[in-house]
Amino acid sequence: MKLGILGSGKGSNFAAILLAIRKGDLDVEVALVASDVADSGILKLAEEADLPTYVIEEPRYRTRLSPEVEERLVAALQAAGVELVVLAGYMRVVKSPLLDAFPRRIINIHPSLLPAFRGVAAWEQALAAGVATAGCTVHYVDAEIDTGEILAQAEVPVHPDDTAETLHARIQAQEHHLYPAVIRQLAKANR
C-alpha cells in the first residue's frame, strides 16, 4: 500500500512509521510526503530518506487550504499513486477536495481519547479537566474536526505531578507505537 504523509511539524510520527518500515514491521511504501511548512522537520526527514516531497503553498489561510490549493495537493497525491493519506501532525482542516478524492482513506492520530478533547493542545485540555487518563486515538478523517470513526486508542495515565510537556511526551510515545500498528492493519485489509 502506498502512503501519502501530510505533516506540518517535526515529523516524530512520520519517523516512527519510517522506523517500522525499515525494521520490516510495516509493509508499505511512502509515495509522497507533503507539508504546508517549507522548512518543516517532516520534509527534512523525508529528504534524508530520499523520499519524494511536496510543499503545499497556501498564502491566504492559516487553518485550511483554499479549494484550488487542496485540489493541487490531491493531484500530487494521485500522481504518486497514494492509496492511504496519513496525517502526521498536519495542522490544517481537511476539506472536500481531499475528502472526496480519498473517501475513508484518510487517517489521523490525535493526542486524546476521542471524543474527549478535540482540537489543539488536547494534552493541555486533559490536564485542565483533571482527568486520570489521557491518551491518543487513530481515526478516519471526516468533514468535522476529530469526529471521524475511531480505529484504535491507547491510554496514558495522568500523574499528579504531570506538566503539559511530560504528559505530551508520554502520549507521543504511545502514538509512535499505535500509528504504525493501525497502518499495518489497514495495509493487511487492503491486500
N, C-alpha and C. Protein backbone atom coordinates (compact mmCIF):
# COMPACT_ATOMS: atom_id res chain seq x y z
N MET A 1 0.84 -1.18 0.00
CA MET A 1 0.00 0.00 0.00
C MET A 1 0.89 1.24 0.00
N LYS A 2 0.52 2.21 -0.82
CA LYS A 2 1.28 3.45 -0.92
C LYS A 2 0.67 4.53 -0.03
N LEU A 3 1.52 5.14 0.79
CA LEU A 3 1.09 6.18 1.72
C LEU A 3 1.46 7.55 1.21
N GLY A 4 0.57 8.50 1.47
CA GLY A 4 0.88 9.91 1.34
C GLY A 4 0.85 10.47 2.75
N ILE A 5 1.94 11.04 3.21
CA ILE A 5 2.05 11.56 4.57
C ILE A 5 1.95 13.07 4.51
N LEU A 6 1.04 13.64 5.32
CA LEU A 6 0.90 15.10 5.41
C LEU A 6 1.27 15.52 6.82
N GLY A 7 2.16 16.50 6.92
CA GLY A 7 2.58 16.99 8.23
C GLY A 7 2.95 18.45 8.19
N SER A 8 2.99 19.05 9.38
CA SER A 8 3.34 20.46 9.49
C SER A 8 4.54 20.69 10.39
N GLY A 9 4.93 19.70 11.17
CA GLY A 9 5.93 19.93 12.21
C GLY A 9 7.19 19.10 12.07
N LYS A 10 7.68 18.65 13.24
CA LYS A 10 8.98 17.98 13.27
C LYS A 10 8.95 16.58 12.70
N GLY A 11 7.80 15.93 12.67
CA GLY A 11 7.70 14.64 12.00
C GLY A 11 7.98 13.43 12.87
N SER A 12 7.70 13.49 14.17
CA SER A 12 8.03 12.35 15.03
C SER A 12 7.17 11.12 14.70
N ASN A 13 5.91 11.30 14.36
CA ASN A 13 5.09 10.15 13.97
C ASN A 13 5.54 9.60 12.62
N PHE A 14 5.91 10.47 11.72
CA PHE A 14 6.46 10.02 10.44
C PHE A 14 7.75 9.22 10.67
N ALA A 15 8.61 9.69 11.57
CA ALA A 15 9.84 8.96 11.89
C ALA A 15 9.52 7.58 12.44
N ALA A 16 8.48 7.46 13.27
CA ALA A 16 8.08 6.17 13.81
C ALA A 16 7.58 5.24 12.70
N ILE A 17 6.86 5.79 11.75
CA ILE A 17 6.38 5.00 10.60
C ILE A 17 7.57 4.52 9.77
N LEU A 18 8.51 5.43 9.49
CA LEU A 18 9.71 5.07 8.73
C LEU A 18 10.51 3.97 9.43
N LEU A 19 10.66 4.08 10.75
CA LEU A 19 11.39 3.08 11.51
C LEU A 19 10.71 1.72 11.41
N ALA A 20 9.39 1.69 11.51
CA ALA A 20 8.65 0.43 11.39
C ALA A 20 8.84 -0.18 10.00
N ILE A 21 8.87 0.65 8.97
CA ILE A 21 9.10 0.16 7.60
C ILE A 21 10.51 -0.42 7.50
N ARG A 22 11.50 0.31 8.00
CA ARG A 22 12.91 -0.14 7.92
C ARG A 22 13.14 -1.44 8.69
N LYS A 23 12.43 -1.61 9.81
CA LYS A 23 12.58 -2.82 10.63
C LYS A 23 11.83 -4.01 10.03
N GLY A 24 11.03 -3.76 8.99
CA GLY A 24 10.25 -4.83 8.40
C GLY A 24 8.95 -5.11 9.11
N ASP A 25 8.57 -4.23 10.04
CA ASP A 25 7.32 -4.39 10.79
C ASP A 25 6.12 -3.81 10.05
N LEU A 26 6.37 -3.06 9.01
CA LEU A 26 5.30 -2.38 8.29
C LEU A 26 5.60 -2.48 6.80
N ASP A 27 4.77 -3.22 6.07
CA ASP A 27 4.98 -3.48 4.65
C ASP A 27 4.16 -2.50 3.81
N VAL A 28 4.65 -1.25 3.75
CA VAL A 28 4.01 -0.19 2.97
C VAL A 28 5.13 0.61 2.30
N GLU A 29 4.73 1.47 1.38
CA GLU A 29 5.67 2.36 0.70
C GLU A 29 5.22 3.79 0.92
N VAL A 30 6.13 4.67 1.30
CA VAL A 30 5.83 6.09 1.39
C VAL A 30 6.01 6.68 0.00
N ALA A 31 4.91 7.05 -0.63
CA ALA A 31 4.94 7.53 -2.01
C ALA A 31 5.16 9.04 -2.09
N LEU A 32 4.73 9.78 -1.06
CA LEU A 32 4.87 11.24 -1.07
C LEU A 32 4.75 11.75 0.36
N VAL A 33 5.59 12.72 0.70
CA VAL A 33 5.50 13.42 1.98
C VAL A 33 5.25 14.89 1.65
N ALA A 34 4.14 15.42 2.15
CA ALA A 34 3.77 16.81 1.86
C ALA A 34 3.67 17.61 3.15
N SER A 35 4.04 18.87 3.07
CA SER A 35 3.95 19.75 4.24
C SER A 35 3.56 21.15 3.80
N ASP A 36 2.83 21.80 4.68
CA ASP A 36 2.45 23.20 4.46
C ASP A 36 3.48 24.15 5.08
N VAL A 37 4.58 23.60 5.58
CA VAL A 37 5.67 24.40 6.16
C VAL A 37 6.95 24.01 5.41
N ALA A 38 7.47 24.91 4.61
CA ALA A 38 8.57 24.60 3.70
C ALA A 38 9.83 24.11 4.41
N ASP A 39 10.08 24.58 5.63
CA ASP A 39 11.29 24.17 6.35
C ASP A 39 10.97 23.23 7.51
N SER A 40 9.87 22.48 7.40
CA SER A 40 9.45 21.58 8.48
C SER A 40 10.40 20.41 8.65
N GLY A 41 10.42 19.89 9.86
CA GLY A 41 11.22 18.71 10.17
C GLY A 41 10.78 17.50 9.37
N ILE A 42 9.48 17.37 9.12
CA ILE A 42 8.98 16.21 8.39
C ILE A 42 9.54 16.18 6.96
N LEU A 43 9.65 17.34 6.33
CA LEU A 43 10.23 17.38 4.98
C LEU A 43 11.73 17.06 5.02
N LYS A 44 12.41 17.54 6.06
CA LYS A 44 13.84 17.22 6.20
C LYS A 44 14.04 15.72 6.37
N LEU A 45 13.20 15.08 7.20
CA LEU A 45 13.29 13.63 7.38
C LEU A 45 13.04 12.90 6.05
N ALA A 46 12.05 13.37 5.30
CA ALA A 46 11.74 12.73 4.01
C ALA A 46 12.90 12.88 3.04
N GLU A 47 13.49 14.06 2.99
CA GLU A 47 14.62 14.30 2.09
C GLU A 47 15.81 13.43 2.48
N GLU A 48 16.07 13.30 3.80
CA GLU A 48 17.16 12.43 4.26
C GLU A 48 16.93 10.98 3.86
N ALA A 49 15.65 10.58 3.77
CA ALA A 49 15.30 9.21 3.40
C ALA A 49 15.13 9.05 1.88
N ASP A 50 15.44 10.10 1.13
CA ASP A 50 15.31 10.10 -0.34
C ASP A 50 13.89 9.80 -0.79
N LEU A 51 12.93 10.36 -0.10
CA LEU A 51 11.52 10.20 -0.45
C LEU A 51 11.02 11.44 -1.17
N PRO A 52 10.06 11.27 -2.08
CA PRO A 52 9.51 12.44 -2.78
C PRO A 52 8.77 13.36 -1.81
N THR A 53 8.96 14.66 -2.01
CA THR A 53 8.31 15.65 -1.15
C THR A 53 7.52 16.65 -1.98
N TYR A 54 6.60 17.30 -1.28
CA TYR A 54 5.74 18.30 -1.92
C TYR A 54 5.48 19.40 -0.90
N VAL A 55 5.74 20.63 -1.26
CA VAL A 55 5.46 21.77 -0.39
C VAL A 55 4.11 22.36 -0.78
N ILE A 56 3.22 22.43 0.18
CA ILE A 56 1.89 22.99 -0.02
C ILE A 56 2.00 24.49 0.23
N GLU A 57 1.75 25.28 -0.80
CA GLU A 57 1.84 26.73 -0.65
C GLU A 57 0.44 27.33 -0.58
N GLU A 58 0.10 27.83 0.60
CA GLU A 58 -1.21 28.44 0.82
C GLU A 58 -1.01 29.84 1.41
N PRO A 59 -1.07 30.86 0.56
CA PRO A 59 -0.83 32.22 1.05
C PRO A 59 -2.01 32.87 1.75
N ARG A 60 -3.23 32.31 1.59
CA ARG A 60 -4.42 33.02 2.09
C ARG A 60 -4.88 32.59 3.47
N TYR A 61 -4.78 31.31 3.82
CA TYR A 61 -5.39 30.82 5.06
C TYR A 61 -4.37 30.10 5.93
N ARG A 62 -4.58 30.17 7.25
CA ARG A 62 -3.67 29.51 8.18
C ARG A 62 -4.17 28.13 8.62
N THR A 63 -5.48 27.93 8.70
CA THR A 63 -6.01 26.71 9.30
C THR A 63 -6.62 25.74 8.29
N ARG A 64 -6.69 26.13 7.04
CA ARG A 64 -7.22 25.25 6.00
C ARG A 64 -6.55 25.63 4.68
N LEU A 65 -6.84 24.87 3.65
CA LEU A 65 -6.35 25.19 2.31
C LEU A 65 -7.50 25.71 1.47
N SER A 66 -7.21 26.63 0.59
CA SER A 66 -8.22 27.06 -0.37
C SER A 66 -8.53 25.87 -1.28
N PRO A 67 -9.73 25.80 -1.86
CA PRO A 67 -10.06 24.65 -2.70
C PRO A 67 -9.06 24.40 -3.82
N GLU A 68 -8.58 25.45 -4.46
CA GLU A 68 -7.65 25.24 -5.56
C GLU A 68 -6.30 24.69 -5.09
N VAL A 69 -5.83 25.12 -3.91
CA VAL A 69 -4.58 24.59 -3.37
C VAL A 69 -4.77 23.14 -2.94
N GLU A 70 -5.91 22.84 -2.34
CA GLU A 70 -6.17 21.45 -1.92
C GLU A 70 -6.34 20.55 -3.15
N GLU A 71 -6.89 21.07 -4.22
CA GLU A 71 -7.01 20.28 -5.46
C GLU A 71 -5.63 19.97 -6.04
N ARG A 72 -4.70 20.91 -5.94
CA ARG A 72 -3.32 20.64 -6.40
C ARG A 72 -2.66 19.57 -5.54
N LEU A 73 -2.94 19.60 -4.24
CA LEU A 73 -2.42 18.57 -3.34
C LEU A 73 -3.00 17.21 -3.72
N VAL A 74 -4.30 17.15 -3.98
CA VAL A 74 -4.95 15.90 -4.41
C VAL A 74 -4.28 15.37 -5.68
N ALA A 75 -4.04 16.26 -6.63
CA ALA A 75 -3.40 15.84 -7.89
C ALA A 75 -2.02 15.26 -7.63
N ALA A 76 -1.25 15.87 -6.73
CA ALA A 76 0.09 15.37 -6.41
C ALA A 76 0.01 14.01 -5.74
N LEU A 77 -0.93 13.84 -4.82
CA LEU A 77 -1.11 12.55 -4.15
C LEU A 77 -1.53 11.47 -5.14
N GLN A 78 -2.46 11.80 -6.01
CA GLN A 78 -2.93 10.83 -7.00
C GLN A 78 -1.83 10.49 -8.00
N ALA A 79 -1.05 11.47 -8.42
CA ALA A 79 0.05 11.22 -9.35
C ALA A 79 1.09 10.28 -8.74
N ALA A 80 1.23 10.33 -7.41
CA ALA A 80 2.18 9.45 -6.71
C ALA A 80 1.59 8.06 -6.45
N GLY A 81 0.30 7.88 -6.79
CA GLY A 81 -0.33 6.58 -6.58
C GLY A 81 -0.75 6.31 -5.16
N VAL A 82 -0.94 7.36 -4.37
CA VAL A 82 -1.28 7.21 -2.95
C VAL A 82 -2.61 6.50 -2.78
N GLU A 83 -2.62 5.52 -1.87
CA GLU A 83 -3.83 4.77 -1.55
C GLU A 83 -4.39 5.14 -0.17
N LEU A 84 -3.51 5.57 0.75
CA LEU A 84 -3.93 5.97 2.09
C LEU A 84 -3.21 7.25 2.45
N VAL A 85 -3.98 8.27 2.86
CA VAL A 85 -3.40 9.54 3.30
C VAL A 85 -3.30 9.49 4.82
N VAL A 86 -2.09 9.75 5.32
CA VAL A 86 -1.80 9.67 6.75
C VAL A 86 -1.44 11.06 7.24
N LEU A 87 -2.28 11.61 8.11
CA LEU A 87 -1.98 12.91 8.70
C LEU A 87 -1.08 12.69 9.90
N ALA A 88 0.08 13.30 9.88
CA ALA A 88 1.07 13.13 10.95
C ALA A 88 1.49 14.51 11.43
N GLY A 89 0.67 15.08 12.31
CA GLY A 89 0.95 16.43 12.77
C GLY A 89 0.61 17.48 11.74
N TYR A 90 -0.38 17.20 10.91
CA TYR A 90 -0.84 18.15 9.88
C TYR A 90 -1.83 19.10 10.55
N MET A 91 -1.53 20.38 10.54
CA MET A 91 -2.28 21.33 11.35
C MET A 91 -3.31 22.15 10.57
N ARG A 92 -3.83 21.57 9.51
CA ARG A 92 -4.89 22.24 8.75
C ARG A 92 -6.12 21.34 8.69
N VAL A 93 -7.27 21.96 8.62
CA VAL A 93 -8.52 21.22 8.49
C VAL A 93 -8.64 20.72 7.06
N VAL A 94 -8.94 19.45 6.90
CA VAL A 94 -9.09 18.83 5.59
C VAL A 94 -10.51 19.12 5.08
N LYS A 95 -10.62 19.50 3.82
CA LYS A 95 -11.91 19.87 3.24
C LYS A 95 -12.28 18.95 2.08
N SER A 96 -13.34 19.33 1.36
CA SER A 96 -13.94 18.48 0.32
C SER A 96 -12.99 17.94 -0.74
N PRO A 97 -12.13 18.74 -1.35
CA PRO A 97 -11.33 18.14 -2.42
C PRO A 97 -10.59 16.88 -1.96
N LEU A 98 -9.96 16.94 -0.81
CA LEU A 98 -9.21 15.79 -0.31
C LEU A 98 -10.16 14.69 0.19
N LEU A 99 -11.19 15.08 0.92
CA LEU A 99 -12.16 14.09 1.43
C LEU A 99 -12.85 13.34 0.29
N ASP A 100 -13.21 14.05 -0.76
CA ASP A 100 -13.89 13.43 -1.90
C ASP A 100 -12.96 12.52 -2.69
N ALA A 101 -11.69 12.89 -2.78
CA ALA A 101 -10.73 12.11 -3.56
C ALA A 101 -10.29 10.84 -2.83
N PHE A 102 -10.32 10.87 -1.48
CA PHE A 102 -9.86 9.73 -0.68
C PHE A 102 -10.89 9.37 0.40
N PRO A 103 -12.09 8.95 -0.01
CA PRO A 103 -13.13 8.62 0.98
C PRO A 103 -12.72 7.43 1.85
N ARG A 104 -12.80 7.62 3.16
CA ARG A 104 -12.41 6.58 4.14
C ARG A 104 -10.99 6.07 3.89
N ARG A 105 -10.17 6.95 3.34
CA ARG A 105 -8.77 6.61 3.11
C ARG A 105 -7.85 7.72 3.60
N ILE A 106 -8.33 8.47 4.60
CA ILE A 106 -7.51 9.49 5.26
C ILE A 106 -7.61 9.19 6.76
N ILE A 107 -6.44 9.05 7.40
CA ILE A 107 -6.44 8.80 8.84
C ILE A 107 -5.62 9.86 9.55
N ASN A 108 -5.91 10.01 10.83
CA ASN A 108 -5.22 10.99 11.66
C ASN A 108 -4.95 10.37 13.02
N ILE A 109 -3.91 10.84 13.68
CA ILE A 109 -3.69 10.49 15.08
C ILE A 109 -3.85 11.76 15.90
N HIS A 110 -4.62 11.63 16.98
CA HIS A 110 -4.95 12.79 17.82
C HIS A 110 -4.53 12.49 19.25
N PRO A 111 -3.94 13.45 19.95
CA PRO A 111 -3.42 13.20 21.29
C PRO A 111 -4.46 13.30 22.41
N SER A 112 -5.56 12.58 22.23
CA SER A 112 -6.54 12.44 23.32
C SER A 112 -7.33 11.17 23.07
N LEU A 113 -8.10 10.79 24.06
CA LEU A 113 -9.02 9.68 23.91
C LEU A 113 -10.33 10.27 23.40
N LEU A 114 -10.42 10.40 22.09
CA LEU A 114 -11.63 10.96 21.49
C LEU A 114 -12.83 10.12 21.90
N PRO A 115 -13.99 10.73 22.08
CA PRO A 115 -14.35 12.08 21.64
C PRO A 115 -13.95 13.21 22.59
N ALA A 116 -13.24 12.91 23.66
CA ALA A 116 -12.81 13.96 24.58
C ALA A 116 -11.68 14.79 23.98
N PHE A 117 -11.71 16.06 24.26
CA PHE A 117 -10.61 16.98 23.97
C PHE A 117 -10.22 17.04 22.50
N ARG A 118 -11.19 17.37 21.68
CA ARG A 118 -10.93 17.59 20.26
C ARG A 118 -10.15 18.88 20.08
N GLY A 119 -9.52 19.01 18.91
CA GLY A 119 -8.82 20.25 18.57
C GLY A 119 -7.40 20.30 19.08
N VAL A 120 -6.88 21.52 19.20
CA VAL A 120 -5.46 21.72 19.50
C VAL A 120 -5.16 21.53 20.99
N ALA A 121 -3.89 21.20 21.26
CA ALA A 121 -3.36 21.08 22.63
C ALA A 121 -4.25 20.21 23.52
N ALA A 122 -4.62 19.05 23.04
CA ALA A 122 -5.52 18.15 23.78
C ALA A 122 -4.93 17.74 25.12
N TRP A 123 -3.63 17.57 25.21
CA TRP A 123 -2.99 17.19 26.48
C TRP A 123 -3.16 18.29 27.52
N GLU A 124 -3.13 19.55 27.09
CA GLU A 124 -3.37 20.67 28.00
C GLU A 124 -4.83 20.68 28.44
N GLN A 125 -5.73 20.39 27.52
CA GLN A 125 -7.15 20.30 27.86
C GLN A 125 -7.37 19.20 28.90
N ALA A 126 -6.69 18.05 28.73
CA ALA A 126 -6.83 16.94 29.67
C ALA A 126 -6.34 17.33 31.06
N LEU A 127 -5.20 18.00 31.13
CA LEU A 127 -4.68 18.45 32.43
C LEU A 127 -5.63 19.44 33.09
N ALA A 128 -6.13 20.38 32.31
CA ALA A 128 -7.05 21.38 32.85
C ALA A 128 -8.34 20.75 33.37
N ALA A 129 -8.77 19.66 32.73
CA ALA A 129 -10.01 18.98 33.15
C ALA A 129 -9.79 18.07 34.34
N GLY A 130 -8.53 17.78 34.67
CA GLY A 130 -8.23 16.94 35.83
C GLY A 130 -8.55 15.46 35.64
N VAL A 131 -8.49 14.98 34.40
CA VAL A 131 -8.79 13.57 34.15
C VAL A 131 -7.66 12.68 34.66
N ALA A 132 -7.98 11.43 34.96
CA ALA A 132 -6.98 10.47 35.45
C ALA A 132 -6.26 9.77 34.30
N THR A 133 -6.90 9.76 33.13
CA THR A 133 -6.34 9.05 31.99
C THR A 133 -6.45 9.92 30.74
N ALA A 134 -5.36 9.99 30.01
CA ALA A 134 -5.34 10.66 28.70
C ALA A 134 -4.95 9.58 27.69
N GLY A 135 -4.49 9.99 26.52
CA GLY A 135 -4.07 9.00 25.54
C GLY A 135 -4.08 9.55 24.14
N CYS A 136 -4.20 8.62 23.18
CA CYS A 136 -4.22 9.01 21.78
C CYS A 136 -5.20 8.13 21.01
N THR A 137 -5.65 8.66 19.88
CA THR A 137 -6.67 8.00 19.07
C THR A 137 -6.27 8.09 17.60
N VAL A 138 -6.38 6.97 16.88
CA VAL A 138 -6.28 6.99 15.42
C VAL A 138 -7.70 6.90 14.89
N HIS A 139 -8.04 7.79 13.98
CA HIS A 139 -9.41 7.84 13.46
C HIS A 139 -9.41 8.21 11.99
N TYR A 140 -10.50 7.83 11.32
CA TYR A 140 -10.71 8.31 9.96
C TYR A 140 -11.01 9.79 10.02
N VAL A 141 -10.61 10.51 8.99
CA VAL A 141 -10.87 11.94 8.91
C VAL A 141 -12.18 12.15 8.15
N ASP A 142 -13.03 13.01 8.72
CA ASP A 142 -14.28 13.39 8.05
C ASP A 142 -14.34 14.91 7.99
N ALA A 143 -15.51 15.45 7.67
CA ALA A 143 -15.65 16.89 7.44
C ALA A 143 -15.55 17.73 8.71
N GLU A 144 -15.65 17.12 9.87
CA GLU A 144 -15.55 17.86 11.14
C GLU A 144 -14.15 17.64 11.74
N ILE A 145 -13.86 18.34 12.82
CA ILE A 145 -12.55 18.22 13.44
C ILE A 145 -12.58 17.11 14.49
N ASP A 146 -11.77 16.08 14.27
CA ASP A 146 -11.59 14.97 15.21
C ASP A 146 -12.89 14.25 15.57
N THR A 147 -13.76 14.05 14.57
CA THR A 147 -15.02 13.36 14.81
C THR A 147 -15.16 12.06 14.03
N GLY A 148 -14.20 11.72 13.21
CA GLY A 148 -14.30 10.53 12.36
C GLY A 148 -14.28 9.24 13.16
N GLU A 149 -14.68 8.17 12.49
CA GLU A 149 -14.74 6.84 13.11
C GLU A 149 -13.41 6.47 13.76
N ILE A 150 -13.47 6.03 15.00
CA ILE A 150 -12.28 5.66 15.75
C ILE A 150 -11.81 4.28 15.32
N LEU A 151 -10.51 4.17 15.03
CA LEU A 151 -9.90 2.91 14.63
C LEU A 151 -9.19 2.23 15.80
N ALA A 152 -8.52 3.01 16.65
CA ALA A 152 -7.80 2.45 17.79
C ALA A 152 -7.43 3.57 18.76
N GLN A 153 -7.24 3.17 20.03
CA GLN A 153 -6.84 4.12 21.06
C GLN A 153 -5.80 3.49 21.97
N ALA A 154 -4.99 4.32 22.59
CA ALA A 154 -4.04 3.88 23.61
C ALA A 154 -4.14 4.84 24.80
N GLU A 155 -4.24 4.28 25.99
CA GLU A 155 -4.38 5.10 27.20
C GLU A 155 -3.03 5.43 27.81
N VAL A 156 -2.98 6.59 28.46
CA VAL A 156 -1.80 7.05 29.18
C VAL A 156 -2.28 7.61 30.51
N PRO A 157 -1.74 7.12 31.64
CA PRO A 157 -2.16 7.67 32.92
C PRO A 157 -1.68 9.11 33.08
N VAL A 158 -2.48 9.91 33.75
CA VAL A 158 -2.08 11.27 34.09
C VAL A 158 -1.58 11.23 35.52
N HIS A 159 -0.32 11.62 35.71
CA HIS A 159 0.29 11.61 37.04
C HIS A 159 0.03 12.93 37.75
N PRO A 160 -0.03 12.92 39.07
CA PRO A 160 -0.30 14.15 39.82
C PRO A 160 0.71 15.26 39.55
N ASP A 161 1.96 14.90 39.24
CA ASP A 161 2.98 15.91 39.02
C ASP A 161 3.20 16.22 37.54
N ASP A 162 2.33 15.74 36.68
CA ASP A 162 2.49 15.98 35.25
C ASP A 162 2.41 17.46 34.91
N THR A 163 3.24 17.82 33.94
CA THR A 163 3.13 19.13 33.28
C THR A 163 2.61 18.84 31.88
N ALA A 164 2.29 19.88 31.16
CA ALA A 164 1.85 19.69 29.77
C ALA A 164 2.93 18.97 28.97
N GLU A 165 4.19 19.31 29.23
CA GLU A 165 5.30 18.71 28.48
C GLU A 165 5.47 17.23 28.81
N THR A 166 5.42 16.86 30.09
CA THR A 166 5.64 15.45 30.45
C THR A 166 4.48 14.58 29.96
N LEU A 167 3.26 15.07 30.09
CA LEU A 167 2.11 14.30 29.61
C LEU A 167 2.16 14.16 28.10
N HIS A 168 2.46 15.23 27.40
CA HIS A 168 2.53 15.19 25.94
C HIS A 168 3.60 14.20 25.49
N ALA A 169 4.74 14.18 26.16
CA ALA A 169 5.82 13.25 25.79
C ALA A 169 5.37 11.79 25.94
N ARG A 170 4.65 11.47 27.01
CA ARG A 170 4.18 10.09 27.19
C ARG A 170 3.10 9.73 26.18
N ILE A 171 2.24 10.70 25.84
CA ILE A 171 1.24 10.45 24.80
C ILE A 171 1.93 10.19 23.46
N GLN A 172 2.92 11.01 23.14
CA GLN A 172 3.63 10.83 21.86
C GLN A 172 4.32 9.47 21.80
N ALA A 173 4.86 8.99 22.91
CA ALA A 173 5.49 7.67 22.91
C ALA A 173 4.47 6.60 22.52
N GLN A 174 3.24 6.73 23.01
CA GLN A 174 2.18 5.79 22.64
C GLN A 174 1.77 5.96 21.18
N GLU A 175 1.72 7.21 20.71
CA GLU A 175 1.39 7.47 19.30
C GLU A 175 2.36 6.74 18.38
N HIS A 176 3.64 6.72 18.75
CA HIS A 176 4.67 6.14 17.90
C HIS A 176 4.54 4.62 17.78
N HIS A 177 3.84 4.01 18.71
CA HIS A 177 3.53 2.57 18.62
C HIS A 177 2.19 2.33 17.92
N LEU A 178 1.20 3.15 18.29
CA LEU A 178 -0.16 2.94 17.81
C LEU A 178 -0.31 3.21 16.32
N TYR A 179 0.27 4.29 15.83
CA TYR A 179 0.05 4.67 14.43
C TYR A 179 0.58 3.61 13.46
N PRO A 180 1.83 3.15 13.61
CA PRO A 180 2.28 2.10 12.70
C PRO A 180 1.43 0.82 12.81
N ALA A 181 0.96 0.50 14.01
CA ALA A 181 0.14 -0.70 14.19
C ALA A 181 -1.17 -0.60 13.42
N VAL A 182 -1.81 0.56 13.46
CA VAL A 182 -3.07 0.75 12.73
C VAL A 182 -2.82 0.73 11.23
N ILE A 183 -1.75 1.38 10.79
CA ILE A 183 -1.42 1.36 9.35
C ILE A 183 -1.17 -0.07 8.90
N ARG A 184 -0.50 -0.85 9.71
CA ARG A 184 -0.25 -2.27 9.39
C ARG A 184 -1.56 -3.01 9.20
N GLN A 185 -2.54 -2.80 10.09
CA GLN A 185 -3.85 -3.45 9.97
C GLN A 185 -4.57 -3.02 8.69
N LEU A 186 -4.53 -1.73 8.38
CA LEU A 186 -5.18 -1.24 7.17
C LEU A 186 -4.51 -1.79 5.91
N ALA A 187 -3.18 -1.89 5.94
CA ALA A 187 -2.47 -2.43 4.79
C ALA A 187 -2.83 -3.90 4.57
N LYS A 188 -2.93 -4.67 5.65
CA LYS A 188 -3.33 -6.08 5.53
C LYS A 188 -4.74 -6.21 4.97
N ALA A 189 -5.64 -5.36 5.44
CA ALA A 189 -7.03 -5.40 4.96
C ALA A 189 -7.13 -4.98 3.50
N ASN A 190 -6.16 -4.19 3.03
CA ASN A 190 -6.16 -3.66 1.67
C ASN A 190 -5.65 -4.67 0.65
N ARG A 191 -5.01 -5.74 1.12
CA ARG A 191 -4.42 -6.73 0.19
C ARG A 191 -5.45 -7.60 -0.45
